[in-house]
């Protein structure tokens, strides 16, 4: 995985807002997708989706937060 400066900034911003370490982020279908550890998905999204809404508002782009799984079937389903 290669991190460019923009991706590092986005991940740092995400982590400041959610208090969850992101595994990766990328643009997909006009959304910013953040991948987080499976056990931290609810913290990352926030109560009533507050963190996701706040990120979307501040970044002026739709945001999707996805939980990572070693099992490809589970990972794709969460996406």
PDB file of N, CA and C in Angstrom:
ATOM      1  N   UNK A   1       0.850  -1.176   0.000  1.00  0.00           N
ATOM      2  CA  UNK A   1       0.000   0.000   0.000  1.00  0.00           C
ATOM      3  C   UNK A   1       0.900   1.245   0.000  1.00  0.00           C
ATOM      4  N   UNK A   2       0.645   2.128  -0.922  1.00  0.00           N
ATOM      5  CA  UNK A   2       1.398   3.374  -1.014  1.00  0.00           C
ATOM      6  C   UNK A   2       0.501   4.518  -0.552  1.00  0.00           C
ATOM      7  N   UNK A   3       0.997   5.279   0.399  1.00  0.00           N
ATOM      8  CA  UNK A   3       0.245   6.425   0.906  1.00  0.00           C
ATOM      9  C   UNK A   3       0.814   7.706   0.325  1.00  0.00           C
ATOM     10  N   UNK A   4      -0.028   8.470  -0.338  1.00  0.00           N
ATOM     11  CA  UNK A   4       0.416   9.782  -0.789  1.00  0.00           C
ATOM     12  C   UNK A   4       0.026  10.816   0.270  1.00  0.00           C
ATOM     13  N   UNK A   5       0.486  12.026   0.097  1.00  0.00           N
ATOM     14  CA  UNK A   5       0.276  13.072   1.095  1.00  0.00           C
ATOM     15  C   UNK A   5      -1.216  13.333   1.330  1.00  0.00           C
ATOM     16  N   UNK A   6      -2.009  13.350   0.272  1.00  0.00           N
ATOM     17  CA  UNK A   6      -3.445  13.615   0.411  1.00  0.00           C
ATOM     18  C   UNK A   6      -4.134  12.523   1.230  1.00  0.00           C
ATOM     19  N   UNK A   7      -3.776  11.265   0.970  1.00  0.00           N
ATOM     20  CA  UNK A   7      -4.365  10.145   1.707  1.00  0.00           C
ATOM     21  C   UNK A   7      -3.981  10.213   3.190  1.00  0.00           C
ATOM     22  N   UNK A   8      -2.741  10.568   3.471  1.00  0.00           N
ATOM     23  CA  UNK A   8      -2.284  10.692   4.859  1.00  0.00           C
ATOM     24  C   UNK A   8      -3.071  11.788   5.570  1.00  0.00           C
ATOM     25  N   UNK A   9      -3.292  12.919   4.892  1.00  0.00           N
ATOM     26  CA  UNK A   9      -4.071  14.007   5.490  1.00  0.00           C
ATOM     27  C   UNK A   9      -5.500  13.560   5.786  1.00  0.00           C
ATOM     28  N   UNK A  10      -6.113  12.855   4.847  1.00  0.00           N
ATOM     29  CA  UNK A  10      -7.490  12.383   5.040  1.00  0.00           C
ATOM     30  C   UNK A  10      -7.585  11.400   6.204  1.00  0.00           C
ATOM     31  N   UNK A  11      -6.645  10.471   6.274  1.00  0.00           N
ATOM     32  CA  UNK A  11      -6.651   9.490   7.368  1.00  0.00           C
ATOM     33  C   UNK A  11      -6.431  10.188   8.703  1.00  0.00           C
ATOM     34  N   UNK A  12      -5.512  11.125   8.778  1.00  0.00           N
ATOM     35  CA  UNK A  12      -5.278  11.874  10.021  1.00  0.00           C
ATOM     36  C   UNK A  12      -6.523  12.643  10.438  1.00  0.00           C
ATOM     37  N   UNK A  13      -7.186  13.279   9.489  1.00  0.00           N
ATOM     38  CA  UNK A  13      -8.416  14.022   9.774  1.00  0.00           C
ATOM     39  C   UNK A  13      -9.505  13.077  10.286  1.00  0.00           C
ATOM     40  N   UNK A  14      -9.667  11.950   9.607  1.00  0.00           N
ATOM     41  CA  UNK A  14     -10.635  10.932  10.021  1.00  0.00           C
ATOM     42  C   UNK A  14     -10.372  10.485  11.457  1.00  0.00           C
ATOM     43  N   UNK A  15      -9.119  10.216  11.771  1.00  0.00           N
ATOM     44  CA  UNK A  15      -8.747   9.737  13.101  1.00  0.00           C
ATOM     45  C   UNK A  15      -8.966  10.792  14.178  1.00  0.00           C
ATOM     46  N   UNK A  16      -8.767  12.063  13.849  1.00  0.00           N
ATOM     47  CA  UNK A  16      -9.031  13.136  14.822  1.00  0.00           C
ATOM     48  C   UNK A  16     -10.523  13.226  15.144  1.00  0.00           C
ATOM     49  N   UNK A  17     -11.359  13.072  14.137  1.00  0.00           N
ATOM     50  CA  UNK A  17     -12.806  13.181  14.334  1.00  0.00           C
ATOM     51  C   UNK A  17     -13.367  11.954  15.038  1.00  0.00           C
ATOM     52  N   UNK A  18     -12.968  10.755  14.599  1.00  0.00           N
ATOM     53  CA  UNK A  18     -13.592   9.520  15.090  1.00  0.00           C
ATOM     54  C   UNK A  18     -12.879   8.879  16.276  1.00  0.00           C
ATOM     55  N   UNK A  19     -11.618   9.208  16.461  1.00  0.00           N
ATOM     56  CA  UNK A  19     -10.773   8.573  17.489  1.00  0.00           C
ATOM     57  C   UNK A  19     -10.540   7.085  17.181  1.00  0.00           C
ATOM     58  N   UNK A  20     -10.633   6.719  15.900  1.00  0.00           N
ATOM     59  CA  UNK A  20     -10.408   5.342  15.447  1.00  0.00           C
ATOM     60  C   UNK A  20      -9.339   5.374  14.361  1.00  0.00           C
ATOM     61  N   UNK A  21      -8.368   4.454  14.441  1.00  0.00           N
ATOM     62  CA  UNK A  21      -7.327   4.362  13.427  1.00  0.00           C
ATOM     63  C   UNK A  21      -7.894   3.760  12.151  1.00  0.00           C
ATOM     64  N   UNK A  22      -7.731   4.457  11.053  1.00  0.00           N
ATOM     65  CA  UNK A  22      -8.179   3.953   9.753  1.00  0.00           C
ATOM     66  C   UNK A  22      -7.086   3.080   9.154  1.00  0.00           C
ATOM     67  N   UNK A  23      -7.499   2.011   8.522  1.00  0.00           N
ATOM     68  CA  UNK A  23      -6.556   1.117   7.842  1.00  0.00           C
ATOM     69  C   UNK A  23      -6.202   1.680   6.470  1.00  0.00           C
ATOM     70  N   UNK A  24      -7.191   2.253   5.804  1.00  0.00           N
ATOM     71  CA  UNK A  24      -6.976   2.797   4.472  1.00  0.00           C
ATOM     72  C   UNK A  24      -8.125   3.739   4.132  1.00  0.00           C
ATOM     73  N   UNK A  25      -7.944   4.513   3.078  1.00  0.00           N
ATOM     74  CA  UNK A  25      -9.032   5.315   2.526  1.00  0.00           C
ATOM     75  C   UNK A  25      -8.806   5.468   1.033  1.00  0.00           C
ATOM     76  N   UNK A  26      -9.908   5.636   0.303  1.00  0.00           N
ATOM     77  CA  UNK A  26      -9.820   5.803  -1.142  1.00  0.00           C
ATOM     78  C   UNK A  26     -11.120   6.399  -1.663  1.00  0.00           C
ATOM     79  N   UNK A  27     -11.037   6.932  -2.863  1.00  0.00           N
ATOM     80  CA  UNK A  27     -12.208   7.460  -3.561  1.00  0.00           C
ATOM     81  C   UNK A  27     -12.874   6.323  -4.307  1.00  0.00           C
ATOM     82  N   UNK A  28     -14.186   6.199  -4.172  1.00  0.00           N
ATOM     83  CA  UNK A  28     -14.921   5.170  -4.891  1.00  0.00           C
ATOM     84  C   UNK A  28     -16.313   5.688  -5.195  1.00  0.00           C
ATOM     85  N   UNK A  29     -16.648   5.746  -6.445  1.00  0.00           N
ATOM     86  CA  UNK A  29     -17.993   6.127  -6.863  1.00  0.00           C
ATOM     87  C   UNK A  29     -18.418   7.454  -6.231  1.00  0.00           C
ATOM     88  N   UNK A  30     -17.532   8.440  -6.319  1.00  0.00           N
ATOM     89  CA  UNK A  30     -17.774   9.789  -5.802  1.00  0.00           C
ATOM     90  C   UNK A  30     -17.982   9.837  -4.283  1.00  0.00           C
ATOM     91  N   UNK A  31     -17.400   8.883  -3.559  1.00  0.00           N
ATOM     92  CA  UNK A  31     -17.440   8.851  -2.092  1.00  0.00           C
ATOM     93  C   UNK A  31     -16.026   8.643  -1.583  1.00  0.00           C
ATOM     94  N   UNK A  32     -15.777   9.124  -0.384  1.00  0.00           N
ATOM     95  CA  UNK A  32     -14.547   8.779   0.319  1.00  0.00           C
ATOM     96  C   UNK A  32     -14.860   7.574   1.181  1.00  0.00           C
ATOM     97  N   UNK A  33     -14.122   6.510   0.995  1.00  0.00           N
ATOM     98  CA  UNK A  33     -14.336   5.285   1.753  1.00  0.00           C
ATOM     99  C   UNK A  33     -13.181   5.133   2.736  1.00  0.00           C
ATOM    100  N   UNK A  34     -13.533   4.938   4.006  1.00  0.00           N
ATOM    101  CA  UNK A  34     -12.540   4.704   5.052  1.00  0.00           C
ATOM    102  C   UNK A  34     -12.724   3.279   5.561  1.00  0.00           C
ATOM    103  N   UNK A  35     -11.623   2.534   5.628  1.00  0.00           N
ATOM    104  CA  UNK A  35     -11.635   1.162   6.122  1.00  0.00           C
ATOM    105  C   UNK A  35     -11.131   1.196   7.561  1.00  0.00           C
ATOM    106  N   UNK A  36     -11.904   0.594   8.471  1.00  0.00           N
ATOM    107  CA  UNK A  36     -11.546   0.580   9.889  1.00  0.00           C
ATOM    108  C   UNK A  36     -11.583  -0.851  10.419  1.00  0.00           C
ATOM    109  N   UNK A  37     -10.901  -1.114  11.543  1.00  0.00           N
ATOM    110  CA  UNK A  37     -10.969  -2.453  12.139  1.00  0.00           C
ATOM    111  C   UNK A  37     -12.414  -2.826  12.465  1.00  0.00           C
ATOM    112  N   UNK A  38     -12.712  -4.102  12.266  1.00  0.00           N
ATOM    113  CA  UNK A  38     -14.072  -4.615  12.445  1.00  0.00           C
ATOM    114  C   UNK A  38     -14.670  -4.267  13.813  1.00  0.00           C
ATOM    115  N   UNK A  39     -13.870  -4.362  14.844  1.00  0.00           N
ATOM    116  CA  UNK A  39     -14.376  -4.123  16.203  1.00  0.00           C
ATOM    117  C   UNK A  39     -14.578  -2.644  16.522  1.00  0.00           C
ATOM    118  N   UNK A  40     -14.130  -1.760  15.637  1.00  0.00           N
ATOM    119  CA  UNK A  40     -14.218  -0.317  15.893  1.00  0.00           C
ATOM    120  C   UNK A  40     -15.241   0.391  14.999  1.00  0.00           C
ATOM    121  N   UNK A  41     -15.984  -0.359  14.195  1.00  0.00           N
ATOM    122  CA  UNK A  41     -16.884   0.259  13.227  1.00  0.00           C
ATOM    123  C   UNK A  41     -17.930   1.144  13.894  1.00  0.00           C
ATOM    124  N   UNK A  42     -18.511   0.698  14.996  1.00  0.00           N
ATOM    125  CA  UNK A  42     -19.567   1.482  15.642  1.00  0.00           C
ATOM    126  C   UNK A  42     -19.022   2.768  16.259  1.00  0.00           C
ATOM    127  N   UNK A  43     -17.813   2.724  16.764  1.00  0.00           N
ATOM    128  CA  UNK A  43     -17.176   3.930  17.299  1.00  0.00           C
ATOM    129  C   UNK A  43     -16.883   4.897  16.155  1.00  0.00           C
ATOM    130  N   UNK A  44     -16.373   4.356  15.049  1.00  0.00           N
ATOM    131  CA  UNK A  44     -16.018   5.204  13.907  1.00  0.00           C
ATOM    132  C   UNK A  44     -17.245   5.904  13.323  1.00  0.00           C
ATOM    133  N   UNK A  45     -18.335   5.187  13.174  1.00  0.00           N
ATOM    134  CA  UNK A  45     -19.556   5.767  12.610  1.00  0.00           C
ATOM    135  C   UNK A  45     -20.164   6.774  13.582  1.00  0.00           C
ATOM    136  N   UNK A  46     -20.093   6.462  14.872  1.00  0.00           N
ATOM    137  CA  UNK A  46     -20.618   7.365  15.892  1.00  0.00           C
ATOM    138  C   UNK A  46     -22.097   7.121  16.165  1.00  0.00           C
ATOM    139  N   UNK A  47     -22.535   7.619  17.286  1.00  0.00           N
ATOM    140  CA  UNK A  47     -23.933   7.470  17.679  1.00  0.00           C
ATOM    141  C   UNK A  47     -24.825   8.157  16.641  1.00  0.00           C
ATOM    142  N   UNK A  48     -25.805   7.427  16.158  1.00  0.00           N
ATOM    143  CA  UNK A  48     -26.724   7.914  15.113  1.00  0.00           C
ATOM    144  C   UNK A  48     -25.990   8.382  13.857  1.00  0.00           C
ATOM    145  N   UNK A  49     -24.782   7.856  13.627  1.00  0.00           N
ATOM    146  CA  UNK A  49     -24.023   8.222  12.435  1.00  0.00           C
ATOM    147  C   UNK A  49     -23.398   9.601  12.499  1.00  0.00           C
ATOM    148  N   UNK A  50     -23.309  10.160  13.703  1.00  0.00           N
ATOM    149  CA  UNK A  50     -22.831  11.537  13.857  1.00  0.00           C
ATOM    150  C   UNK A  50     -21.436  11.770  13.277  1.00  0.00           C
ATOM    151  N   UNK A  51     -20.509  10.828  13.498  1.00  0.00           N
ATOM    152  CA  UNK A  51     -19.152  11.021  12.973  1.00  0.00           C
ATOM    153  C   UNK A  51     -19.151  11.012  11.447  1.00  0.00           C
ATOM    154  N   UNK A  52     -19.902  10.105  10.859  1.00  0.00           N
ATOM    155  CA  UNK A  52     -19.967  10.031   9.397  1.00  0.00           C
ATOM    156  C   UNK A  52     -20.569  11.311   8.819  1.00  0.00           C
ATOM    157  N   UNK A  53     -21.612  11.819   9.438  1.00  0.00           N
ATOM    158  CA  UNK A  53     -22.254  13.053   8.973  1.00  0.00           C
ATOM    159  C   UNK A  53     -21.302  14.233   9.123  1.00  0.00           C
ATOM    160  N   UNK A  54     -20.607  14.297  10.254  1.00  0.00           N
ATOM    161  CA  UNK A  54     -19.672  15.396  10.494  1.00  0.00           C
ATOM    162  C   UNK A  54     -18.532  15.369   9.472  1.00  0.00           C
ATOM    163  N   UNK A  55     -17.980  14.180   9.223  1.00  0.00           N
ATOM    164  CA  UNK A  55     -16.910  14.051   8.232  1.00  0.00           C
ATOM    165  C   UNK A  55     -17.394  14.484   6.853  1.00  0.00           C
ATOM    166  N   UNK A  56     -18.566  14.032   6.483  1.00  0.00           N
ATOM    167  CA  UNK A  56     -19.127  14.381   5.180  1.00  0.00           C
ATOM    168  C   UNK A  56     -19.310  15.892   5.036  1.00  0.00           C
ATOM    169  N   UNK A  57     -19.808  16.510   6.083  1.00  0.00           N
ATOM    170  CA  UNK A  57     -20.026  17.959   6.061  1.00  0.00           C
ATOM    171  C   UNK A  57     -18.704  18.710   5.969  1.00  0.00           C
ATOM    172  N   UNK A  58     -17.723  18.316   6.766  1.00  0.00           N
ATOM    173  CA  UNK A  58     -16.442  19.024   6.795  1.00  0.00           C
ATOM    174  C   UNK A  58     -15.606  18.791   5.535  1.00  0.00           C
ATOM    175  N   UNK A  59     -15.693  17.592   4.978  1.00  0.00           N
ATOM    176  CA  UNK A  59     -14.918  17.276   3.776  1.00  0.00           C
ATOM    177  C   UNK A  59     -15.665  17.649   2.492  1.00  0.00           C
ATOM    178  N   UNK A  60     -16.949  17.999   2.650  1.00  0.00           N
ATOM    179  CA  UNK A  60     -17.792  18.355   1.496  1.00  0.00           C
ATOM    180  C   UNK A  60     -17.821  17.245   0.450  1.00  0.00           C
ATOM    181  N   UNK A  61     -17.926  16.024   0.950  1.00  0.00           N
ATOM    182  CA  UNK A  61     -17.971  14.849   0.100  1.00  0.00           C
ATOM    183  C   UNK A  61     -18.682  13.728   0.855  1.00  0.00           C
ATOM    184  N   UNK A  62     -19.386  12.876   0.136  1.00  0.00           N
ATOM    185  CA  UNK A  62     -20.033  11.740   0.805  1.00  0.00           C
ATOM    186  C   UNK A  62     -18.971  10.811   1.375  1.00  0.00           C
ATOM    187  N   UNK A  63     -19.258  10.257   2.556  1.00  0.00           N
ATOM    188  CA  UNK A  63     -18.305   9.408   3.261  1.00  0.00           C
ATOM    189  C   UNK A  63     -18.959   8.069   3.556  1.00  0.00           C
ATOM    190  N   UNK A  64     -18.203   7.005   3.372  1.00  0.00           N
ATOM    191  CA  UNK A  64     -18.648   5.660   3.737  1.00  0.00           C
ATOM    192  C   UNK A  64     -17.572   5.060   4.627  1.00  0.00           C
ATOM    193  N   UNK A  65     -18.000   4.477   5.741  1.00  0.00           N
ATOM    194  CA  UNK A  65     -17.072   3.835   6.668  1.00  0.00           C
ATOM    195  C   UNK A  65     -17.358   2.339   6.637  1.00  0.00           C
ATOM    196  N   UNK A  66     -16.320   1.555   6.330  1.00  0.00           N
ATOM    197  CA  UNK A  66     -16.473   0.120   6.118  1.00  0.00           C
ATOM    198  C   UNK A  66     -15.578  -0.626   7.093  1.00  0.00           C
ATOM    199  N   UNK A  67     -16.101  -1.722   7.649  1.00  0.00           N
ATOM    200  CA  UNK A  67     -15.291  -2.526   8.567  1.00  0.00           C
ATOM    201  C   UNK A  67     -14.472  -3.544   7.783  1.00  0.00           C
ATOM    202  N   UNK A  68     -13.222  -3.695   8.168  1.00  0.00           N
ATOM    203  CA  UNK A  68     -12.318  -4.638   7.532  1.00  0.00           C
ATOM    204  C   UNK A  68     -12.528  -6.023   8.126  1.00  0.00           C
ATOM    205  N   UNK A  69     -12.387  -7.033   7.283  1.00  0.00           N
ATOM    206  CA  UNK A  69     -12.402  -8.416   7.735  1.00  0.00           C
ATOM    207  C   UNK A  69     -11.390  -9.197   6.912  1.00  0.00           C
ATOM    208  N   UNK A  70     -10.715 -10.146   7.551  1.00  0.00           N
ATOM    209  CA  UNK A  70      -9.795 -11.030   6.832  1.00  0.00           C
ATOM    210  C   UNK A  70     -10.549 -11.940   5.870  1.00  0.00           C
ATOM    211  N   UNK A  71     -11.810 -12.176   6.172  1.00  0.00           N
ATOM    212  CA  UNK A  71     -12.660 -12.999   5.315  1.00  0.00           C
ATOM    213  C   UNK A  71     -13.183 -12.133   4.168  1.00  0.00           C
ATOM    214  N   UNK A  72     -12.777 -12.412   2.928  1.00  0.00           N
ATOM    215  CA  UNK A  72     -13.189 -11.556   1.798  1.00  0.00           C
ATOM    216  C   UNK A  72     -14.704 -11.454   1.624  1.00  0.00           C
ATOM    217  N   UNK A  73     -15.430 -12.528   1.889  1.00  0.00           N
ATOM    218  CA  UNK A  73     -16.894 -12.497   1.738  1.00  0.00           C
ATOM    219  C   UNK A  73     -17.512 -11.517   2.722  1.00  0.00           C
ATOM    220  N   UNK A  74     -17.087 -11.546   3.955  1.00  0.00           N
ATOM    221  CA  UNK A  74     -17.607 -10.635   4.981  1.00  0.00           C
ATOM    222  C   UNK A  74     -17.193  -9.201   4.644  1.00  0.00           C
ATOM    223  N   UNK A  75     -15.961  -9.022   4.198  1.00  0.00           N
ATOM    224  CA  UNK A  75     -15.489  -7.674   3.855  1.00  0.00           C
ATOM    225  C   UNK A  75     -16.310  -7.065   2.721  1.00  0.00           C
ATOM    226  N   UNK A  76     -16.535  -7.841   1.680  1.00  0.00           N
ATOM    227  CA  UNK A  76     -17.314  -7.342   0.544  1.00  0.00           C
ATOM    228  C   UNK A  76     -18.747  -7.048   0.966  1.00  0.00           C
ATOM    229  N   UNK A  77     -19.335  -7.885   1.813  1.00  0.00           N
ATOM    230  CA  UNK A  77     -20.702  -7.640   2.298  1.00  0.00           C
ATOM    231  C   UNK A  77     -20.773  -6.346   3.080  1.00  0.00           C
ATOM    232  N   UNK A  78     -19.762  -6.041   3.869  1.00  0.00           N
ATOM    233  CA  UNK A  78     -19.782  -4.811   4.660  1.00  0.00           C
ATOM    234  C   UNK A  78     -19.618  -3.585   3.778  1.00  0.00           C
ATOM    235  N   UNK A  79     -19.042  -3.792   2.598  1.00  0.00           N
ATOM    236  CA  UNK A  79     -18.821  -2.685   1.694  1.00  0.00           C
ATOM    237  C   UNK A  79     -20.128  -2.278   1.057  1.00  0.00           C
TER     238      UNK A  79
END
